Amino acid sequence: MTTAERLADVRRRLGDACAAAGRDPSEVTLVAVSKVHPADRLAEALHAGQVDFGESYAQELRDKAAVLDDGVRWHFIGRLQTNKAKYIAPVAHRVHALTSHRQVEALVRRAPGLVRGMLAVNLGDEDSKSGVPPEHVPTACAELAAVEGFELTGLMTLPPRVDHPDEAAPYFEQLADLALAGRRAGFALEELSMGMSGDFEVAVRYGATHVRIGTAIFGPRPV
């Protein structure tokens, strides 16, 4: 299958998942995770109508943004190093995996306008993944939201690896519950970045507003 054909298949699956959940597909942003794939593959998806692309490496984001259409909405979805904020801040539409006010301050200093992003939550207590523990979400939200020039828009998670997509459901439900508690506390946590190629239909069921799809659109990553 071509990139355009795989993209069409993912859109069909996303539409079916939204219908099953009683949701409007416009509520869910499909982020095509394009990290390590060459710019010509992104251009094919862009030509097929894809607008939102996700990158995990700051310099790769910088380089692709320099050669692709201005209509692209870039999402930085990787672990952010503050010394690389200069590559991300000028182009990122959303920053998905923030964990500290220092990261936010570094972005704000280098951004041409308002920075928007989400707090990453480590629901599986995994050392290999970034994110704040669930019990620290209220404090972290307060710290990030207090930075002038930044808008905290929601929460993001990458759940532990599971054998079946439905096994990820408790993690997606927990993130949705944390966002609801945050909204009740006065934070505007309207966005939930959760769900990838293998489990995004389940994430949609629990309120995902951004699904991050890589392999199902672009195929295996280049070696």
N, C-alpha and C. Protein backbone atom coordinates (compact mmCIF):
# COMPACT_ATOMS: atom_id res chain seq x y z
N MET A 1 0.83 -1.20 0.00
CA MET A 1 0.00 0.00 0.00
C MET A 1 0.87 1.25 0.00
N THR A 2 0.39 2.27 -0.64
CA THR A 2 1.09 3.55 -0.63
C THR A 2 0.78 4.29 0.67
N THR A 3 1.53 5.34 0.93
CA THR A 3 1.25 6.18 2.10
C THR A 3 -0.17 6.73 2.04
N ALA A 4 -0.59 7.19 0.88
CA ALA A 4 -1.93 7.74 0.73
C ALA A 4 -2.99 6.70 1.01
N GLU A 5 -2.77 5.47 0.57
CA GLU A 5 -3.74 4.39 0.80
C GLU A 5 -3.81 4.02 2.28
N ARG A 6 -2.65 3.95 2.93
CA ARG A 6 -2.66 3.64 4.37
C ARG A 6 -3.32 4.76 5.16
N LEU A 7 -3.07 6.01 4.75
CA LEU A 7 -3.71 7.15 5.40
C LEU A 7 -5.22 7.07 5.27
N ALA A 8 -5.70 6.73 4.08
CA ALA A 8 -7.15 6.61 3.87
C ALA A 8 -7.73 5.51 4.76
N ASP A 9 -7.00 4.42 4.91
CA ASP A 9 -7.47 3.32 5.76
C ASP A 9 -7.54 3.75 7.23
N VAL A 10 -6.53 4.49 7.69
CA VAL A 10 -6.54 4.99 9.07
C VAL A 10 -7.70 5.95 9.28
N ARG A 11 -7.95 6.81 8.32
CA ARG A 11 -9.08 7.74 8.44
C ARG A 11 -10.40 6.98 8.52
N ARG A 12 -10.52 5.92 7.73
CA ARG A 12 -11.75 5.11 7.79
C ARG A 12 -11.90 4.49 9.16
N ARG A 13 -10.83 3.92 9.69
CA ARG A 13 -10.88 3.31 11.02
C ARG A 13 -11.20 4.33 12.10
N LEU A 14 -10.61 5.51 11.96
CA LEU A 14 -10.88 6.57 12.93
C LEU A 14 -12.34 7.00 12.87
N GLY A 15 -12.88 7.13 11.67
CA GLY A 15 -14.28 7.47 11.53
C GLY A 15 -15.19 6.42 12.14
N ASP A 16 -14.86 5.14 11.93
CA ASP A 16 -15.64 4.05 12.51
C ASP A 16 -15.57 4.08 14.03
N ALA A 17 -14.38 4.35 14.57
CA ALA A 17 -14.21 4.40 16.03
C ALA A 17 -15.02 5.55 16.62
N CYS A 18 -15.03 6.69 15.95
CA CYS A 18 -15.81 7.83 16.43
C CYS A 18 -17.30 7.52 16.39
N ALA A 19 -17.76 6.86 15.32
CA ALA A 19 -19.17 6.49 15.21
C ALA A 19 -19.56 5.55 16.34
N ALA A 20 -18.70 4.56 16.62
CA ALA A 20 -18.98 3.59 17.67
C ALA A 20 -19.04 4.25 19.04
N ALA A 21 -18.27 5.32 19.23
CA ALA A 21 -18.23 6.04 20.51
C ALA A 21 -19.25 7.16 20.58
N GLY A 22 -20.02 7.37 19.49
CA GLY A 22 -20.98 8.46 19.46
C GLY A 22 -20.34 9.82 19.42
N ARG A 23 -19.17 9.89 18.75
CA ARG A 23 -18.43 11.16 18.68
C ARG A 23 -18.34 11.65 17.25
N ASP A 24 -18.19 12.96 17.10
CA ASP A 24 -17.98 13.56 15.79
C ASP A 24 -16.50 13.42 15.44
N PRO A 25 -16.16 12.92 14.24
CA PRO A 25 -14.75 12.78 13.87
C PRO A 25 -13.97 14.09 13.94
N SER A 26 -14.65 15.22 13.82
CA SER A 26 -13.95 16.50 13.90
C SER A 26 -13.39 16.77 15.29
N GLU A 27 -13.82 15.99 16.28
CA GLU A 27 -13.33 16.15 17.64
C GLU A 27 -11.94 15.54 17.84
N VAL A 28 -11.50 14.73 16.88
CA VAL A 28 -10.25 13.99 17.04
C VAL A 28 -9.25 14.40 15.95
N THR A 29 -8.10 14.89 16.36
CA THR A 29 -7.04 15.27 15.43
C THR A 29 -6.13 14.08 15.17
N LEU A 30 -5.99 13.72 13.90
CA LEU A 30 -5.08 12.65 13.51
C LEU A 30 -3.70 13.26 13.30
N VAL A 31 -2.77 12.88 14.17
CA VAL A 31 -1.39 13.34 14.05
C VAL A 31 -0.58 12.22 13.40
N ALA A 32 -0.10 12.46 12.20
CA ALA A 32 0.72 11.48 11.48
C ALA A 32 2.15 11.57 12.01
N VAL A 33 2.57 10.52 12.73
CA VAL A 33 3.89 10.54 13.36
C VAL A 33 4.93 10.19 12.30
N SER A 34 5.66 11.22 11.90
CA SER A 34 6.53 11.12 10.74
C SER A 34 8.01 11.05 11.08
N LYS A 35 8.34 10.87 12.36
CA LYS A 35 9.75 10.87 12.78
C LYS A 35 10.54 9.80 12.03
N VAL A 36 11.71 10.16 11.61
CA VAL A 36 12.71 9.38 10.87
C VAL A 36 12.29 9.03 9.44
N HIS A 37 11.07 9.36 9.04
CA HIS A 37 10.67 9.17 7.65
C HIS A 37 11.09 10.39 6.83
N PRO A 38 11.53 10.18 5.60
CA PRO A 38 12.01 11.30 4.78
C PRO A 38 10.89 12.26 4.39
N ALA A 39 11.28 13.47 4.05
CA ALA A 39 10.30 14.53 3.76
C ALA A 39 9.40 14.18 2.59
N ASP A 40 9.90 13.38 1.63
CA ASP A 40 9.04 13.06 0.49
C ASP A 40 7.87 12.18 0.87
N ARG A 41 8.04 11.37 1.93
CA ARG A 41 6.92 10.57 2.42
C ARG A 41 5.87 11.47 3.07
N LEU A 42 6.34 12.48 3.78
CA LEU A 42 5.42 13.44 4.38
C LEU A 42 4.68 14.21 3.30
N ALA A 43 5.40 14.56 2.23
CA ALA A 43 4.79 15.31 1.14
C ALA A 43 3.66 14.51 0.50
N GLU A 44 3.82 13.18 0.41
CA GLU A 44 2.76 12.35 -0.14
C GLU A 44 1.51 12.40 0.74
N ALA A 45 1.72 12.32 2.06
CA ALA A 45 0.58 12.41 2.98
C ALA A 45 -0.04 13.80 2.94
N LEU A 46 0.79 14.81 2.83
CA LEU A 46 0.29 16.19 2.74
C LEU A 46 -0.56 16.37 1.49
N HIS A 47 -0.11 15.80 0.40
CA HIS A 47 -0.86 15.87 -0.85
C HIS A 47 -2.21 15.16 -0.73
N ALA A 48 -2.25 14.14 0.14
CA ALA A 48 -3.50 13.40 0.36
C ALA A 48 -4.40 14.07 1.39
N GLY A 49 -4.02 15.25 1.85
CA GLY A 49 -4.89 16.02 2.73
C GLY A 49 -4.52 16.00 4.20
N GLN A 50 -3.43 15.30 4.56
CA GLN A 50 -3.01 15.28 5.96
C GLN A 50 -2.36 16.61 6.32
N VAL A 51 -2.72 17.16 7.48
CA VAL A 51 -2.24 18.48 7.89
C VAL A 51 -1.33 18.40 9.11
N ASP A 52 -1.66 17.53 10.06
CA ASP A 52 -0.96 17.46 11.34
C ASP A 52 0.09 16.36 11.32
N PHE A 53 1.34 16.73 11.62
CA PHE A 53 2.44 15.79 11.62
C PHE A 53 3.19 15.87 12.95
N GLY A 54 3.63 14.71 13.46
CA GLY A 54 4.32 14.66 14.73
C GLY A 54 5.76 14.25 14.59
N GLU A 55 6.63 14.98 15.25
CA GLU A 55 8.06 14.70 15.24
C GLU A 55 8.57 14.58 16.68
N SER A 56 9.58 13.70 16.88
CA SER A 56 10.13 13.46 18.20
C SER A 56 11.50 14.06 18.42
N TYR A 57 12.16 14.47 17.34
CA TYR A 57 13.52 14.99 17.44
C TYR A 57 13.55 16.44 16.97
N ALA A 58 14.10 17.30 17.81
CA ALA A 58 14.02 18.74 17.59
C ALA A 58 14.65 19.17 16.27
N GLN A 59 15.84 18.67 15.97
CA GLN A 59 16.51 19.11 14.75
C GLN A 59 15.83 18.56 13.50
N GLU A 60 15.26 17.36 13.62
CA GLU A 60 14.51 16.82 12.49
C GLU A 60 13.26 17.65 12.23
N LEU A 61 12.60 18.08 13.28
CA LEU A 61 11.45 18.96 13.13
C LEU A 61 11.86 20.25 12.43
N ARG A 62 12.96 20.85 12.88
CA ARG A 62 13.46 22.08 12.27
C ARG A 62 13.71 21.90 10.78
N ASP A 63 14.38 20.81 10.43
CA ASP A 63 14.77 20.60 9.04
C ASP A 63 13.56 20.33 8.14
N LYS A 64 12.61 19.55 8.62
CA LYS A 64 11.42 19.26 7.80
C LYS A 64 10.54 20.50 7.67
N ALA A 65 10.43 21.26 8.73
CA ALA A 65 9.61 22.48 8.66
C ALA A 65 10.18 23.48 7.65
N ALA A 66 11.47 23.40 7.42
CA ALA A 66 12.11 24.33 6.49
C ALA A 66 11.83 24.00 5.03
N VAL A 67 11.44 22.75 4.76
CA VAL A 67 11.26 22.35 3.35
C VAL A 67 9.82 22.02 2.99
N LEU A 68 8.94 21.83 3.97
CA LEU A 68 7.57 21.46 3.66
C LEU A 68 6.63 22.66 3.70
N ASP A 69 5.45 22.45 3.18
CA ASP A 69 4.46 23.51 3.00
C ASP A 69 4.14 24.23 4.30
N ASP A 70 3.91 25.53 4.19
CA ASP A 70 3.58 26.33 5.38
C ASP A 70 2.27 25.90 6.02
N GLY A 71 1.42 25.15 5.30
CA GLY A 71 0.13 24.73 5.84
C GLY A 71 0.20 23.59 6.83
N VAL A 72 1.40 23.01 7.02
CA VAL A 72 1.56 21.90 7.96
C VAL A 72 1.41 22.42 9.39
N ARG A 73 0.71 21.63 10.22
CA ARG A 73 0.68 21.89 11.67
C ARG A 73 1.60 20.87 12.33
N TRP A 74 2.67 21.36 12.90
CA TRP A 74 3.66 20.49 13.51
C TRP A 74 3.36 20.24 14.98
N HIS A 75 3.52 19.00 15.39
CA HIS A 75 3.35 18.60 16.79
C HIS A 75 4.67 18.00 17.26
N PHE A 76 5.22 18.54 18.33
CA PHE A 76 6.42 17.92 18.89
C PHE A 76 5.97 16.95 19.97
N ILE A 77 6.29 15.67 19.77
CA ILE A 77 5.76 14.64 20.66
C ILE A 77 6.84 13.92 21.46
N GLY A 78 8.09 14.34 21.31
CA GLY A 78 9.18 13.67 22.00
C GLY A 78 9.54 14.32 23.33
N ARG A 79 10.57 13.75 23.94
CA ARG A 79 11.08 14.29 25.19
C ARG A 79 11.85 15.58 24.89
N LEU A 80 11.48 16.65 25.54
CA LEU A 80 12.03 17.97 25.20
C LEU A 80 13.24 18.29 26.06
N GLN A 81 14.37 18.56 25.39
CA GLN A 81 15.56 19.07 26.06
C GLN A 81 15.54 20.59 25.94
N THR A 82 15.74 21.28 27.03
CA THR A 82 15.58 22.73 27.02
C THR A 82 16.54 23.41 26.04
N ASN A 83 17.73 22.84 25.82
CA ASN A 83 18.67 23.46 24.89
C ASN A 83 18.25 23.28 23.43
N LYS A 84 17.22 22.47 23.18
CA LYS A 84 16.70 22.28 21.82
C LYS A 84 15.38 23.05 21.60
N ALA A 85 14.96 23.79 22.61
CA ALA A 85 13.69 24.51 22.49
C ALA A 85 13.71 25.52 21.34
N LYS A 86 14.87 26.01 20.99
CA LYS A 86 14.99 27.00 19.91
C LYS A 86 14.58 26.43 18.57
N TYR A 87 14.66 25.11 18.41
CA TYR A 87 14.25 24.49 17.16
C TYR A 87 12.74 24.20 17.13
N ILE A 88 12.15 24.07 18.29
CA ILE A 88 10.75 23.66 18.40
C ILE A 88 9.81 24.84 18.48
N ALA A 89 10.15 25.80 19.33
CA ALA A 89 9.24 26.92 19.63
C ALA A 89 8.76 27.68 18.40
N PRO A 90 9.61 27.94 17.39
CA PRO A 90 9.13 28.76 16.26
C PRO A 90 8.11 28.06 15.37
N VAL A 91 8.03 26.72 15.43
CA VAL A 91 7.20 26.01 14.44
C VAL A 91 6.12 25.12 15.03
N ALA A 92 6.21 24.75 16.29
CA ALA A 92 5.30 23.75 16.85
C ALA A 92 3.91 24.33 17.12
N HIS A 93 2.89 23.66 16.59
CA HIS A 93 1.50 24.00 16.86
C HIS A 93 1.09 23.51 18.24
N ARG A 94 1.58 22.33 18.61
CA ARG A 94 1.39 21.75 19.94
C ARG A 94 2.67 21.06 20.38
N VAL A 95 2.92 21.12 21.69
CA VAL A 95 4.01 20.35 22.29
C VAL A 95 3.34 19.36 23.25
N HIS A 96 3.50 18.08 22.99
CA HIS A 96 2.65 17.08 23.64
C HIS A 96 3.18 16.50 24.93
N ALA A 97 4.47 16.57 25.20
CA ALA A 97 5.00 15.77 26.30
C ALA A 97 5.79 16.61 27.30
N LEU A 98 5.21 17.69 27.76
CA LEU A 98 5.88 18.56 28.71
C LEU A 98 5.83 17.98 30.12
N THR A 99 6.88 18.22 30.88
CA THR A 99 6.92 17.69 32.24
C THR A 99 7.36 18.72 33.27
N SER A 100 7.89 19.87 32.83
CA SER A 100 8.39 20.83 33.82
C SER A 100 8.21 22.27 33.35
N HIS A 101 8.17 23.17 34.31
CA HIS A 101 8.03 24.60 33.97
C HIS A 101 9.28 25.11 33.29
N ARG A 102 10.44 24.48 33.53
CA ARG A 102 11.67 24.91 32.85
C ARG A 102 11.56 24.68 31.34
N GLN A 103 10.96 23.57 30.93
CA GLN A 103 10.76 23.32 29.50
C GLN A 103 9.85 24.39 28.91
N VAL A 104 8.77 24.70 29.62
CA VAL A 104 7.81 25.69 29.13
C VAL A 104 8.47 27.06 29.03
N GLU A 105 9.23 27.44 30.04
CA GLU A 105 9.91 28.73 30.02
C GLU A 105 10.90 28.83 28.86
N ALA A 106 11.60 27.72 28.57
CA ALA A 106 12.54 27.71 27.45
C ALA A 106 11.82 27.90 26.13
N LEU A 107 10.65 27.30 25.98
CA LEU A 107 9.87 27.46 24.76
C LEU A 107 9.35 28.88 24.61
N VAL A 108 8.80 29.41 25.69
CA VAL A 108 8.20 30.75 25.66
C VAL A 108 9.24 31.80 25.27
N ARG A 109 10.46 31.64 25.76
CA ARG A 109 11.51 32.62 25.45
C ARG A 109 11.84 32.66 23.96
N ARG A 110 11.57 31.58 23.27
CA ARG A 110 11.98 31.47 21.87
C ARG A 110 10.81 31.45 20.89
N ALA A 111 9.60 31.56 21.39
CA ALA A 111 8.42 31.45 20.53
C ALA A 111 7.98 32.82 20.02
N PRO A 112 7.46 32.88 18.79
CA PRO A 112 6.97 34.15 18.25
C PRO A 112 5.61 34.55 18.80
N GLY A 113 4.92 33.61 19.43
CA GLY A 113 3.60 33.88 19.99
C GLY A 113 3.30 32.94 21.14
N LEU A 114 2.03 32.73 21.40
CA LEU A 114 1.61 31.87 22.51
C LEU A 114 2.02 30.43 22.26
N VAL A 115 2.57 29.79 23.27
CA VAL A 115 2.92 28.36 23.21
C VAL A 115 1.78 27.56 23.81
N ARG A 116 1.38 26.50 23.11
CA ARG A 116 0.31 25.63 23.61
C ARG A 116 0.85 24.21 23.74
N GLY A 117 0.50 23.56 24.85
CA GLY A 117 1.02 22.21 25.04
C GLY A 117 0.31 21.45 26.12
N MET A 118 0.73 20.20 26.27
CA MET A 118 0.10 19.27 27.20
C MET A 118 1.11 18.72 28.19
N LEU A 119 0.61 18.36 29.34
CA LEU A 119 1.43 17.74 30.38
C LEU A 119 1.47 16.23 30.14
N ALA A 120 2.67 15.65 30.11
CA ALA A 120 2.82 14.21 29.96
C ALA A 120 2.66 13.53 31.32
N VAL A 121 1.88 12.44 31.32
CA VAL A 121 1.62 11.70 32.55
C VAL A 121 2.11 10.26 32.37
N ASN A 122 2.95 9.81 33.29
CA ASN A 122 3.49 8.45 33.25
C ASN A 122 2.59 7.55 34.09
N LEU A 123 1.61 6.94 33.44
CA LEU A 123 0.62 6.16 34.17
C LEU A 123 1.11 4.77 34.56
N GLY A 124 2.14 4.28 33.87
CA GLY A 124 2.64 2.95 34.17
C GLY A 124 3.84 2.92 35.08
N ASP A 125 4.24 4.09 35.60
CA ASP A 125 5.42 4.19 36.47
C ASP A 125 6.63 3.51 35.84
N GLU A 126 6.85 3.83 34.55
CA GLU A 126 7.95 3.20 33.82
C GLU A 126 9.15 4.14 33.75
N ASP A 127 10.31 3.62 34.16
CA ASP A 127 11.52 4.43 34.17
C ASP A 127 11.94 4.86 32.76
N SER A 128 11.55 4.07 31.77
CA SER A 128 11.97 4.35 30.40
C SER A 128 11.16 5.47 29.75
N LYS A 129 10.11 5.93 30.41
CA LYS A 129 9.24 6.95 29.81
C LYS A 129 9.21 8.19 30.69
N SER A 130 9.12 9.33 30.02
CA SER A 130 9.01 10.59 30.76
C SER A 130 7.55 10.81 31.15
N GLY A 131 7.34 11.80 31.98
CA GLY A 131 5.98 12.10 32.43
C GLY A 131 5.92 12.16 33.94
N VAL A 132 5.00 12.94 34.45
CA VAL A 132 4.84 13.05 35.90
C VAL A 132 3.93 11.94 36.40
N PRO A 133 4.10 11.48 37.63
CA PRO A 133 3.19 10.49 38.19
C PRO A 133 1.79 11.07 38.32
N PRO A 134 0.77 10.23 38.29
CA PRO A 134 -0.61 10.74 38.37
C PRO A 134 -0.86 11.63 39.59
N GLU A 135 -0.28 11.28 40.73
CA GLU A 135 -0.53 12.05 41.94
C GLU A 135 0.09 13.44 41.89
N HIS A 136 1.01 13.67 40.95
CA HIS A 136 1.65 14.98 40.83
C HIS A 136 0.99 15.87 39.78
N VAL A 137 -0.05 15.37 39.12
CA VAL A 137 -0.68 16.13 38.04
C VAL A 137 -1.20 17.48 38.51
N PRO A 138 -1.93 17.59 39.62
CA PRO A 138 -2.44 18.92 40.01
C PRO A 138 -1.33 19.95 40.22
N THR A 139 -0.26 19.54 40.91
CA THR A 139 0.85 20.47 41.15
C THR A 139 1.54 20.87 39.86
N ALA A 140 1.77 19.88 38.99
CA ALA A 140 2.45 20.16 37.72
C ALA A 140 1.59 21.07 36.83
N CYS A 141 0.30 20.84 36.81
CA CYS A 141 -0.59 21.71 36.03
C CYS A 141 -0.50 23.15 36.52
N ALA A 142 -0.49 23.32 37.82
CA ALA A 142 -0.41 24.67 38.39
C ALA A 142 0.90 25.35 38.00
N GLU A 143 2.01 24.60 38.03
CA GLU A 143 3.31 25.17 37.69
C GLU A 143 3.38 25.57 36.22
N LEU A 144 2.88 24.70 35.34
CA LEU A 144 2.94 25.00 33.90
C LEU A 144 2.00 26.14 33.54
N ALA A 145 0.78 26.10 34.08
CA ALA A 145 -0.22 27.11 33.73
C ALA A 145 0.18 28.50 34.22
N ALA A 146 1.08 28.55 35.20
CA ALA A 146 1.49 29.84 35.76
C ALA A 146 2.51 30.56 34.88
N VAL A 147 3.08 29.88 33.89
CA VAL A 147 4.09 30.50 33.03
C VAL A 147 3.41 31.42 32.02
N GLU A 148 3.76 32.69 32.07
CA GLU A 148 3.18 33.66 31.14
C GLU A 148 3.62 33.36 29.71
N GLY A 149 2.65 33.39 28.80
CA GLY A 149 2.95 33.08 27.40
C GLY A 149 2.71 31.64 27.04
N PHE A 150 2.19 30.86 27.98
CA PHE A 150 1.92 29.44 27.75
C PHE A 150 0.47 29.11 28.06
N GLU A 151 -0.14 28.28 27.22
CA GLU A 151 -1.50 27.79 27.46
C GLU A 151 -1.46 26.27 27.63
N LEU A 152 -1.80 25.80 28.80
CA LEU A 152 -1.91 24.36 29.06
C LEU A 152 -3.23 23.88 28.50
N THR A 153 -3.17 22.97 27.52
CA THR A 153 -4.39 22.57 26.82
C THR A 153 -4.90 21.18 27.21
N GLY A 154 -4.06 20.36 27.86
CA GLY A 154 -4.53 19.02 28.18
C GLY A 154 -3.44 18.12 28.72
N LEU A 155 -3.69 16.81 28.61
CA LEU A 155 -2.78 15.79 29.12
C LEU A 155 -2.42 14.82 28.01
N MET A 156 -1.26 14.21 28.15
CA MET A 156 -0.77 13.24 27.17
C MET A 156 -0.24 12.02 27.91
N THR A 157 -0.38 10.82 27.31
CA THR A 157 0.23 9.64 27.90
C THR A 157 0.62 8.64 26.84
N LEU A 158 1.60 7.82 27.19
CA LEU A 158 2.00 6.65 26.42
C LEU A 158 1.92 5.48 27.38
N PRO A 159 0.85 4.67 27.31
CA PRO A 159 0.67 3.60 28.28
C PRO A 159 1.68 2.49 28.10
N PRO A 160 1.82 1.61 29.09
CA PRO A 160 2.71 0.46 28.94
C PRO A 160 2.29 -0.42 27.76
N ARG A 161 3.27 -1.14 27.23
CA ARG A 161 2.98 -2.06 26.13
C ARG A 161 2.05 -3.17 26.61
N VAL A 162 1.04 -3.49 25.82
CA VAL A 162 0.06 -4.52 26.18
C VAL A 162 -0.07 -5.50 25.02
N ASP A 163 -0.64 -6.67 25.32
CA ASP A 163 -0.79 -7.71 24.30
C ASP A 163 -2.03 -7.49 23.44
N HIS A 164 -3.04 -6.82 24.00
CA HIS A 164 -4.28 -6.59 23.27
C HIS A 164 -4.70 -5.14 23.49
N PRO A 165 -5.19 -4.45 22.46
CA PRO A 165 -5.55 -3.04 22.60
C PRO A 165 -6.47 -2.74 23.77
N ASP A 166 -7.44 -3.62 24.04
CA ASP A 166 -8.37 -3.35 25.13
C ASP A 166 -7.69 -3.30 26.49
N GLU A 167 -6.49 -3.89 26.60
CA GLU A 167 -5.77 -3.86 27.87
C GLU A 167 -5.23 -2.46 28.17
N ALA A 168 -5.21 -1.60 27.16
CA ALA A 168 -4.79 -0.21 27.38
C ALA A 168 -5.93 0.65 27.90
N ALA A 169 -7.15 0.14 27.87
CA ALA A 169 -8.33 0.92 28.25
C ALA A 169 -8.22 1.54 29.65
N PRO A 170 -7.76 0.79 30.68
CA PRO A 170 -7.69 1.41 32.01
C PRO A 170 -6.78 2.64 32.06
N TYR A 171 -5.73 2.64 31.26
CA TYR A 171 -4.82 3.80 31.24
C TYR A 171 -5.48 5.00 30.57
N PHE A 172 -6.19 4.75 29.47
CA PHE A 172 -6.88 5.84 28.80
C PHE A 172 -8.00 6.40 29.68
N GLU A 173 -8.70 5.51 30.36
CA GLU A 173 -9.76 5.96 31.27
C GLU A 173 -9.17 6.78 32.42
N GLN A 174 -8.01 6.35 32.92
CA GLN A 174 -7.38 7.09 34.02
C GLN A 174 -6.96 8.48 33.58
N LEU A 175 -6.42 8.60 32.37
CA LEU A 175 -6.03 9.93 31.89
C LEU A 175 -7.25 10.83 31.73
N ALA A 176 -8.34 10.26 31.22
CA ALA A 176 -9.58 11.04 31.08
C ALA A 176 -10.09 11.50 32.44
N ASP A 177 -9.98 10.64 33.44
CA ASP A 177 -10.42 11.00 34.79
C ASP A 177 -9.54 12.09 35.38
N LEU A 178 -8.23 12.01 35.13
CA LEU A 178 -7.32 13.05 35.62
C LEU A 178 -7.64 14.40 34.97
N ALA A 179 -7.96 14.37 33.67
CA ALA A 179 -8.32 15.62 32.98
C ALA A 179 -9.61 16.20 33.54
N LEU A 180 -10.58 15.33 33.81
CA LEU A 180 -11.85 15.80 34.38
C LEU A 180 -11.62 16.44 35.75
N ALA A 181 -10.80 15.79 36.58
CA ALA A 181 -10.50 16.35 37.89
C ALA A 181 -9.78 17.69 37.75
N GLY A 182 -8.90 17.78 36.75
CA GLY A 182 -8.19 19.04 36.52
C GLY A 182 -9.12 20.16 36.08
N ARG A 183 -10.08 19.82 35.23
CA ARG A 183 -11.05 20.84 34.80
C ARG A 183 -11.87 21.32 35.98
N ARG A 184 -12.24 20.42 36.85
CA ARG A 184 -13.01 20.80 38.04
C ARG A 184 -12.19 21.70 38.96
N ALA A 185 -10.85 21.56 38.87
CA ALA A 185 -9.97 22.40 39.69
C ALA A 185 -9.64 23.72 39.00
N GLY A 186 -10.16 23.91 37.80
CA GLY A 186 -9.98 25.19 37.12
C GLY A 186 -8.99 25.20 35.98
N PHE A 187 -8.42 24.05 35.62
CA PHE A 187 -7.47 23.98 34.51
C PHE A 187 -8.22 23.61 33.22
N ALA A 188 -7.81 24.20 32.11
CA ALA A 188 -8.50 23.97 30.83
C ALA A 188 -7.91 22.74 30.13
N LEU A 189 -8.14 21.58 30.70
CA LEU A 189 -7.57 20.33 30.17
C LEU A 189 -8.56 19.68 29.21
N GLU A 190 -8.78 20.34 28.08
CA GLU A 190 -9.77 19.86 27.12
C GLU A 190 -9.19 18.83 26.15
N GLU A 191 -7.87 18.75 26.05
CA GLU A 191 -7.24 17.87 25.07
C GLU A 191 -6.61 16.66 25.74
N LEU A 192 -6.77 15.50 25.08
CA LEU A 192 -6.17 14.25 25.54
C LEU A 192 -5.41 13.65 24.37
N SER A 193 -4.08 13.64 24.48
CA SER A 193 -3.24 13.04 23.45
C SER A 193 -2.92 11.61 23.89
N MET A 194 -3.61 10.66 23.27
CA MET A 194 -3.42 9.26 23.64
C MET A 194 -3.92 8.37 22.51
N GLY A 195 -3.26 7.23 22.36
CA GLY A 195 -3.62 6.30 21.30
C GLY A 195 -2.66 6.36 20.14
N MET A 196 -2.19 5.15 19.73
CA MET A 196 -1.26 5.06 18.60
C MET A 196 -1.80 4.00 17.62
N SER A 197 -0.95 3.54 16.72
CA SER A 197 -1.41 2.68 15.64
C SER A 197 -2.18 1.45 16.14
N GLY A 198 -1.71 0.85 17.23
CA GLY A 198 -2.31 -0.39 17.68
C GLY A 198 -3.51 -0.26 18.58
N ASP A 199 -3.76 0.95 19.11
CA ASP A 199 -4.82 1.06 20.12
C ASP A 199 -5.65 2.33 20.02
N PHE A 200 -5.53 3.05 18.89
CA PHE A 200 -6.19 4.36 18.86
C PHE A 200 -7.71 4.26 18.91
N GLU A 201 -8.28 3.17 18.40
CA GLU A 201 -9.74 3.02 18.48
C GLU A 201 -10.21 2.97 19.93
N VAL A 202 -9.43 2.31 20.78
CA VAL A 202 -9.76 2.25 22.21
C VAL A 202 -9.62 3.63 22.84
N ALA A 203 -8.57 4.34 22.47
CA ALA A 203 -8.36 5.69 23.01
C ALA A 203 -9.51 6.62 22.66
N VAL A 204 -10.02 6.50 21.44
CA VAL A 204 -11.16 7.33 21.02
C VAL A 204 -12.37 7.06 21.91
N ARG A 205 -12.54 5.83 22.29
CA ARG A 205 -13.66 5.44 23.16
C ARG A 205 -13.61 6.19 24.49
N TYR A 206 -12.39 6.54 24.94
CA TYR A 206 -12.23 7.18 26.24
C TYR A 206 -11.94 8.68 26.13
N GLY A 207 -12.17 9.24 24.94
CA GLY A 207 -12.14 10.70 24.83
C GLY A 207 -10.90 11.30 24.20
N ALA A 208 -10.07 10.51 23.55
CA ALA A 208 -8.88 11.07 22.90
C ALA A 208 -9.27 12.20 21.96
N THR A 209 -8.52 13.29 22.01
CA THR A 209 -8.71 14.38 21.05
C THR A 209 -7.57 14.43 20.04
N HIS A 210 -6.45 13.77 20.35
CA HIS A 210 -5.30 13.66 19.45
C HIS A 210 -4.81 12.22 19.48
N VAL A 211 -4.79 11.57 18.33
CA VAL A 211 -4.21 10.24 18.24
C VAL A 211 -2.94 10.32 17.40
N ARG A 212 -1.90 9.63 17.83
CA ARG A 212 -0.57 9.74 17.22
C ARG A 212 -0.28 8.46 16.44
N ILE A 213 -0.42 8.53 15.13
CA ILE A 213 -0.36 7.33 14.31
C ILE A 213 0.86 7.38 13.39
N GLY A 214 1.77 6.44 13.56
CA GLY A 214 2.97 6.39 12.74
C GLY A 214 2.99 5.21 11.79
N THR A 215 3.21 4.02 12.31
CA THR A 215 3.40 2.82 11.49
C THR A 215 2.21 2.56 10.57
N ALA A 216 1.00 2.75 11.06
CA ALA A 216 -0.19 2.46 10.24
C ALA A 216 -0.30 3.39 9.03
N ILE A 217 0.38 4.52 9.07
CA ILE A 217 0.36 5.46 7.94
C ILE A 217 1.62 5.33 7.08
N PHE A 218 2.79 5.32 7.73
CA PHE A 218 4.04 5.36 6.99
C PHE A 218 4.75 4.01 6.87
N GLY A 219 4.21 2.98 7.55
CA GLY A 219 4.88 1.69 7.52
C GLY A 219 6.01 1.66 8.54
N PRO A 220 6.77 0.56 8.56
CA PRO A 220 7.89 0.45 9.52
C PRO A 220 8.89 1.58 9.35
N ARG A 221 9.49 1.97 10.44
CA ARG A 221 10.50 3.03 10.38
C ARG A 221 11.74 2.55 9.64
N PRO A 222 12.37 3.44 8.88
CA PRO A 222 13.60 3.06 8.19
C PRO A 222 14.68 2.66 9.20
N VAL A 223 15.45 1.66 8.82
CA VAL A 223 16.52 1.19 9.71
C VAL A 223 17.73 2.13 9.60
